[in-house]
């Protein structure tokens, strides 16, 4: 700010100059500017935190769904919780319009993942691709399935990554 420059360059030579209306005006403008900048930084950090939370959820789904090395393992078959997570993945990322074209709706993805992250009790209907299976389930239940499957995956690989659960 100009005040700092004036202090460093020795343009302010007495304490009386610091009590002047000009100096007080500078201080007020700097204060307002710093508060606005702090608000901006807070919004940006909030966005990054949300992005990180959503990324962790997407990463966990990616690790869990359709594990080729567990194809013959009944605990990891595409049934039960793992099947529900595959249906959820389709619900989030593979929506279609009535004419069969893919619906690329980022708002749907973000809204759905935020509800999942919050563990909302709201229920959704998951439908298999052949439309023979229909499941009504809450975001909370899906979140628990993801957490349990991810923990199981970590235990099966004897790998634990602290801070990424």
C-alpha atoms as a PDB file:
ATOM      1  CA  UNK A   1       0.000   0.000   0.000  1.00  0.00           C
ATOM      2  CA  UNK A   2       1.015   3.616  -0.386  1.00  0.00           C
ATOM      3  CA  UNK A   3       1.394   4.092   3.391  1.00  0.00           C
ATOM      4  CA  UNK A   4       4.028   1.367   3.598  1.00  0.00           C
ATOM      5  CA  UNK A   5       5.879   2.839   0.640  1.00  0.00           C
ATOM      6  CA  UNK A   6       5.785   6.274   2.297  1.00  0.00           C
ATOM      7  CA  UNK A   7       7.076   4.834   5.580  1.00  0.00           C
ATOM      8  CA  UNK A   8       9.908   2.920   3.916  1.00  0.00           C
ATOM      9  CA  UNK A   9      10.923   5.807   1.686  1.00  0.00           C
ATOM     10  CA  UNK A  10      10.952   8.133   4.725  1.00  0.00           C
ATOM     11  CA  UNK A  11       8.297  10.466   3.271  1.00  0.00           C
ATOM     12  CA  UNK A  12       6.525  10.294   6.640  1.00  0.00           C
ATOM     13  CA  UNK A  13       8.818  12.063   9.029  1.00  0.00           C
ATOM     14  CA  UNK A  14       6.673  12.714  12.109  1.00  0.00           C
ATOM     15  CA  UNK A  15       3.950  11.068  14.168  1.00  0.00           C
ATOM     16  CA  UNK A  16       1.648  14.002  13.369  1.00  0.00           C
ATOM     17  CA  UNK A  17       1.562  12.848   9.741  1.00  0.00           C
ATOM     18  CA  UNK A  18       0.213   9.469  10.950  1.00  0.00           C
ATOM     19  CA  UNK A  19      -2.731  11.251  12.629  1.00  0.00           C
ATOM     20  CA  UNK A  20      -3.677  13.133   9.496  1.00  0.00           C
ATOM     21  CA  UNK A  21      -7.011  12.518   7.733  1.00  0.00           C
ATOM     22  CA  UNK A  22      -5.069  11.391   4.659  1.00  0.00           C
ATOM     23  CA  UNK A  23      -3.279   8.655   6.601  1.00  0.00           C
ATOM     24  CA  UNK A  24      -6.501   7.517   8.267  1.00  0.00           C
ATOM     25  CA  UNK A  25      -8.161   7.421   4.855  1.00  0.00           C
ATOM     26  CA  UNK A  26      -5.323   5.222   3.553  1.00  0.00           C
ATOM     27  CA  UNK A  27      -5.676   2.901   6.541  1.00  0.00           C
ATOM     28  CA  UNK A  28      -9.426   2.604   6.040  1.00  0.00           C
ATOM     29  CA  UNK A  29      -9.044   1.844   2.316  1.00  0.00           C
ATOM     30  CA  UNK A  30      -6.377  -0.763   3.052  1.00  0.00           C
ATOM     31  CA  UNK A  31      -8.546  -2.316   5.739  1.00  0.00           C
ATOM     32  CA  UNK A  32     -11.511  -2.584   3.361  1.00  0.00           C
ATOM     33  CA  UNK A  33      -9.268  -3.987   0.628  1.00  0.00           C
ATOM     34  CA  UNK A  34      -7.782  -6.599   2.986  1.00  0.00           C
ATOM     35  CA  UNK A  35     -11.233  -7.654   4.205  1.00  0.00           C
ATOM     36  CA  UNK A  36     -12.475  -8.036   0.628  1.00  0.00           C
ATOM     37  CA  UNK A  37      -9.407 -10.055  -0.279  1.00  0.00           C
ATOM     38  CA  UNK A  38      -9.842 -12.270   2.792  1.00  0.00           C
ATOM     39  CA  UNK A  39     -13.471 -12.902   1.759  1.00  0.00           C
ATOM     40  CA  UNK A  40     -12.317 -13.812  -1.755  1.00  0.00           C
ATOM     41  CA  UNK A  41      -9.697 -16.226  -0.386  1.00  0.00           C
ATOM     42  CA  UNK A  42     -12.263 -17.821   1.919  1.00  0.00           C
ATOM     43  CA  UNK A  43     -14.585 -18.494  -1.041  1.00  0.00           C
ATOM     44  CA  UNK A  44     -11.716 -19.959  -3.076  1.00  0.00           C
ATOM     45  CA  UNK A  45     -10.603 -22.234  -0.222  1.00  0.00           C
ATOM     46  CA  UNK A  46     -14.206 -23.359   0.235  1.00  0.00           C
ATOM     47  CA  UNK A  47     -14.395 -24.300  -3.458  1.00  0.00           C
ATOM     48  CA  UNK A  48     -11.169 -26.269  -3.208  1.00  0.00           C
ATOM     49  CA  UNK A  49     -12.363 -28.118  -0.112  1.00  0.00           C
ATOM     50  CA  UNK A  50     -15.604 -29.067  -1.863  1.00  0.00           C
ATOM     51  CA  UNK A  51     -13.674 -30.225  -4.921  1.00  0.00           C
ATOM     52  CA  UNK A  52     -11.391 -32.353  -2.747  1.00  0.00           C
ATOM     53  CA  UNK A  53     -14.338 -33.995  -0.966  1.00  0.00           C
ATOM     54  CA  UNK A  54     -16.070 -34.796  -4.236  1.00  0.00           C
ATOM     55  CA  UNK A  55     -12.847 -36.078  -5.784  1.00  0.00           C
ATOM     56  CA  UNK A  56     -12.325 -38.475  -2.861  1.00  0.00           C
ATOM     57  CA  UNK A  57     -15.829 -39.871  -3.395  1.00  0.00           C
ATOM     58  CA  UNK A  58     -15.272 -40.321  -7.132  1.00  0.00           C
ATOM     59  CA  UNK A  59     -11.886 -41.945  -6.487  1.00  0.00           C
ATOM     60  CA  UNK A  60     -13.381 -44.395  -4.004  1.00  0.00           C
ATOM     61  CA  UNK A  61     -16.108 -45.347  -6.479  1.00  0.00           C
ATOM     62  CA  UNK A  62     -13.456 -45.830  -9.145  1.00  0.00           C
ATOM     63  CA  UNK A  63     -11.407 -48.097  -6.880  1.00  0.00           C
ATOM     64  CA  UNK A  64     -14.460 -50.167  -5.906  1.00  0.00           C
ATOM     65  CA  UNK A  65     -16.449 -50.629  -9.113  1.00  0.00           C
ATOM     66  CA  UNK A  66     -15.696 -53.575 -11.412  1.00  0.00           C
ATOM     67  CA  UNK A  67     -12.436 -54.808  -9.904  1.00  0.00           C
ATOM     68  CA  UNK A  68     -11.046 -57.249 -12.508  1.00  0.00           C
ATOM     69  CA  UNK A  69      -8.779 -59.015  -9.998  1.00  0.00           C
ATOM     70  CA  UNK A  70     -11.817 -59.934  -7.871  1.00  0.00           C
ATOM     71  CA  UNK A  71     -14.024 -61.320 -10.663  1.00  0.00           C
ATOM     72  CA  UNK A  72     -14.052 -64.820  -9.146  1.00  0.00           C
ATOM     73  CA  UNK A  73     -14.361 -63.641  -5.544  1.00  0.00           C
ATOM     74  CA  UNK A  74     -18.020 -63.966  -4.433  1.00  0.00           C
ATOM     75  CA  UNK A  75     -17.572 -61.155  -1.891  1.00  0.00           C
ATOM     76  CA  UNK A  76     -16.660 -58.796  -4.731  1.00  0.00           C
ATOM     77  CA  UNK A  77     -19.152 -60.053  -7.281  1.00  0.00           C
ATOM     78  CA  UNK A  78     -21.411 -57.533  -8.951  1.00  0.00           C
ATOM     79  CA  UNK A  79     -24.135 -58.400  -6.451  1.00  0.00           C
ATOM     80  CA  UNK A  80     -25.260 -56.940  -3.168  1.00  0.00           C
ATOM     81  CA  UNK A  81     -23.502 -53.762  -2.095  1.00  0.00           C
ATOM     82  CA  UNK A  82     -21.026 -53.796  -4.986  1.00  0.00           C
ATOM     83  CA  UNK A  83     -23.894 -54.127  -7.473  1.00  0.00           C
ATOM     84  CA  UNK A  84     -25.735 -51.242  -5.820  1.00  0.00           C
ATOM     85  CA  UNK A  85     -22.584 -49.118  -6.146  1.00  0.00           C
ATOM     86  CA  UNK A  86     -22.412 -49.946  -9.864  1.00  0.00           C
ATOM     87  CA  UNK A  87     -26.035 -48.859 -10.218  1.00  0.00           C
ATOM     88  CA  UNK A  88     -25.231 -45.680  -8.301  1.00  0.00           C
ATOM     89  CA  UNK A  89     -22.300 -44.956 -10.611  1.00  0.00           C
ATOM     90  CA  UNK A  90     -24.689 -45.304 -13.565  1.00  0.00           C
ATOM     91  CA  UNK A  91     -27.198 -43.039 -11.801  1.00  0.00           C
ATOM     92  CA  UNK A  92     -24.555 -40.347 -11.351  1.00  0.00           C
ATOM     93  CA  UNK A  93     -22.616 -40.571 -14.617  1.00  0.00           C
ATOM     94  CA  UNK A  94     -24.680 -42.500 -17.170  1.00  0.00           C
ATOM     95  CA  UNK A  95     -28.000 -40.665 -17.288  1.00  0.00           C
ATOM     96  CA  UNK A  96     -29.741 -40.547 -20.666  1.00  0.00           C
ATOM     97  CA  UNK A  97     -32.397 -38.362 -22.229  1.00  0.00           C
ATOM     98  CA  UNK A  98     -35.597 -40.008 -23.438  1.00  0.00           C
ATOM     99  CA  UNK A  99     -34.186 -40.119 -26.976  1.00  0.00           C
ATOM    100  CA  UNK A 100     -31.235 -42.213 -25.719  1.00  0.00           C
ATOM    101  CA  UNK A 101     -28.595 -39.501 -25.966  1.00  0.00           C
ATOM    102  CA  UNK A 102     -26.217 -39.139 -23.005  1.00  0.00           C
ATOM    103  CA  UNK A 103     -27.146 -36.487 -20.485  1.00  0.00           C
ATOM    104  CA  UNK A 104     -23.951 -34.677 -19.482  1.00  0.00           C
ATOM    105  CA  UNK A 105     -25.281 -32.750 -16.508  1.00  0.00           C
ATOM    106  CA  UNK A 106     -22.568 -31.477 -14.171  1.00  0.00           C
ATOM    107  CA  UNK A 107     -25.176 -29.974 -11.825  1.00  0.00           C
ATOM    108  CA  UNK A 108     -26.702 -33.449 -11.361  1.00  0.00           C
ATOM    109  CA  UNK A 109     -23.279 -34.956 -10.648  1.00  0.00           C
ATOM    110  CA  UNK A 110     -22.306 -32.273  -8.111  1.00  0.00           C
ATOM    111  CA  UNK A 111     -25.700 -32.271  -6.393  1.00  0.00           C
ATOM    112  CA  UNK A 112     -25.722 -36.066  -6.153  1.00  0.00           C
ATOM    113  CA  UNK A 113     -22.170 -36.283  -4.819  1.00  0.00           C
ATOM    114  CA  UNK A 114     -22.844 -33.536  -2.257  1.00  0.00           C
ATOM    115  CA  UNK A 115     -25.897 -35.446  -0.997  1.00  0.00           C
ATOM    116  CA  UNK A 116     -23.790 -38.603  -0.856  1.00  0.00           C
ATOM    117  CA  UNK A 117     -21.003 -36.825   1.029  1.00  0.00           C
ATOM    118  CA  UNK A 118     -23.526 -35.467   3.541  1.00  0.00           C
ATOM    119  CA  UNK A 119     -25.102 -38.913   3.943  1.00  0.00           C
ATOM    120  CA  UNK A 120     -28.553 -37.532   3.196  1.00  0.00           C
ATOM    121  CA  UNK A 121     -31.521 -39.714   4.225  1.00  0.00           C
ATOM    122  CA  UNK A 122     -33.159 -38.796   0.899  1.00  0.00           C
ATOM    123  CA  UNK A 123     -33.928 -41.891  -1.164  1.00  0.00           C
ATOM    124  CA  UNK A 124     -33.234 -42.349  -4.850  1.00  0.00           C
ATOM    125  CA  UNK A 125     -34.236 -45.073  -7.274  1.00  0.00           C
ATOM    126  CA  UNK A 126     -31.419 -47.005  -8.926  1.00  0.00           C
ATOM    127  CA  UNK A 127     -32.300 -48.946 -12.079  1.00  0.00           C
ATOM    128  CA  UNK A 128     -30.147 -51.516 -13.851  1.00  0.00           C
ATOM    129  CA  UNK A 129     -29.245 -50.998 -17.482  1.00  0.00           C
ATOM    130  CA  UNK A 130     -31.634 -53.762 -18.572  1.00  0.00           C
ATOM    131  CA  UNK A 131     -34.308 -52.225 -16.289  1.00  0.00           C
ATOM    132  CA  UNK A 132     -34.909 -55.574 -14.519  1.00  0.00           C
ATOM    133  CA  UNK A 133     -33.536 -54.419 -11.173  1.00  0.00           C
ATOM    134  CA  UNK A 134     -34.947 -51.440  -9.291  1.00  0.00           C
ATOM    135  CA  UNK A 135     -33.618 -50.443  -5.862  1.00  0.00           C
ATOM    136  CA  UNK A 136     -34.789 -47.584  -3.623  1.00  0.00           C
ATOM    137  CA  UNK A 137     -31.919 -46.563  -1.369  1.00  0.00           C
ATOM    138  CA  UNK A 138     -30.813 -43.524   0.642  1.00  0.00           C
ATOM    139  CA  UNK A 139     -27.627 -41.592   0.054  1.00  0.00           C
ATOM    140  CA  UNK A 140     -26.681 -42.502   3.611  1.00  0.00           C
ATOM    141  CA  UNK A 141     -26.901 -46.222   2.818  1.00  0.00           C
ATOM    142  CA  UNK A 142     -24.837 -45.757  -0.346  1.00  0.00           C
ATOM    143  CA  UNK A 143     -22.221 -43.800   1.604  1.00  0.00           C
ATOM    144  CA  UNK A 144     -21.954 -46.627   4.153  1.00  0.00           C
ATOM    145  CA  UNK A 145     -21.560 -49.173   1.341  1.00  0.00           C
ATOM    146  CA  UNK A 146     -18.775 -47.109  -0.217  1.00  0.00           C
ATOM    147  CA  UNK A 147     -16.967 -46.720   3.104  1.00  0.00           C
ATOM    148  CA  UNK A 148     -17.251 -50.431   3.916  1.00  0.00           C
ATOM    149  CA  UNK A 149     -16.183 -51.574   0.439  1.00  0.00           C
ATOM    150  CA  UNK A 150     -13.255 -49.144   0.407  1.00  0.00           C
ATOM    151  CA  UNK A 151     -12.082 -50.315   3.847  1.00  0.00           C
ATOM    152  CA  UNK A 152     -12.402 -53.919   2.685  1.00  0.00           C
ATOM    153  CA  UNK A 153     -10.390 -53.114  -0.433  1.00  0.00           C
ATOM    154  CA  UNK A 154      -7.665 -51.491   1.667  1.00  0.00           C
ATOM    155  CA  UNK A 155      -7.553 -54.511   3.976  1.00  0.00           C
ATOM    156  CA  UNK A 156      -7.415 -56.940   1.033  1.00  0.00           C
ATOM    157  CA  UNK A 157      -4.431 -55.109  -0.407  1.00  0.00           C
ATOM    158  CA  UNK A 158      -2.798 -54.720   3.015  1.00  0.00           C
ATOM    159  CA  UNK A 159      -2.566 -51.038   2.167  1.00  0.00           C
ATOM    160  CA  UNK A 160      -3.780 -48.183   4.236  1.00  0.00           C
ATOM    161  CA  UNK A 161      -3.479 -44.566   3.257  1.00  0.00           C
ATOM    162  CA  UNK A 162      -4.022 -42.429   6.378  1.00  0.00           C
ATOM    163  CA  UNK A 163      -5.981 -39.308   5.736  1.00  0.00           C
ATOM    164  CA  UNK A 164      -7.650 -40.617   2.594  1.00  0.00           C
ATOM    165  CA  UNK A 165     -10.571 -42.559   4.107  1.00  0.00           C
END
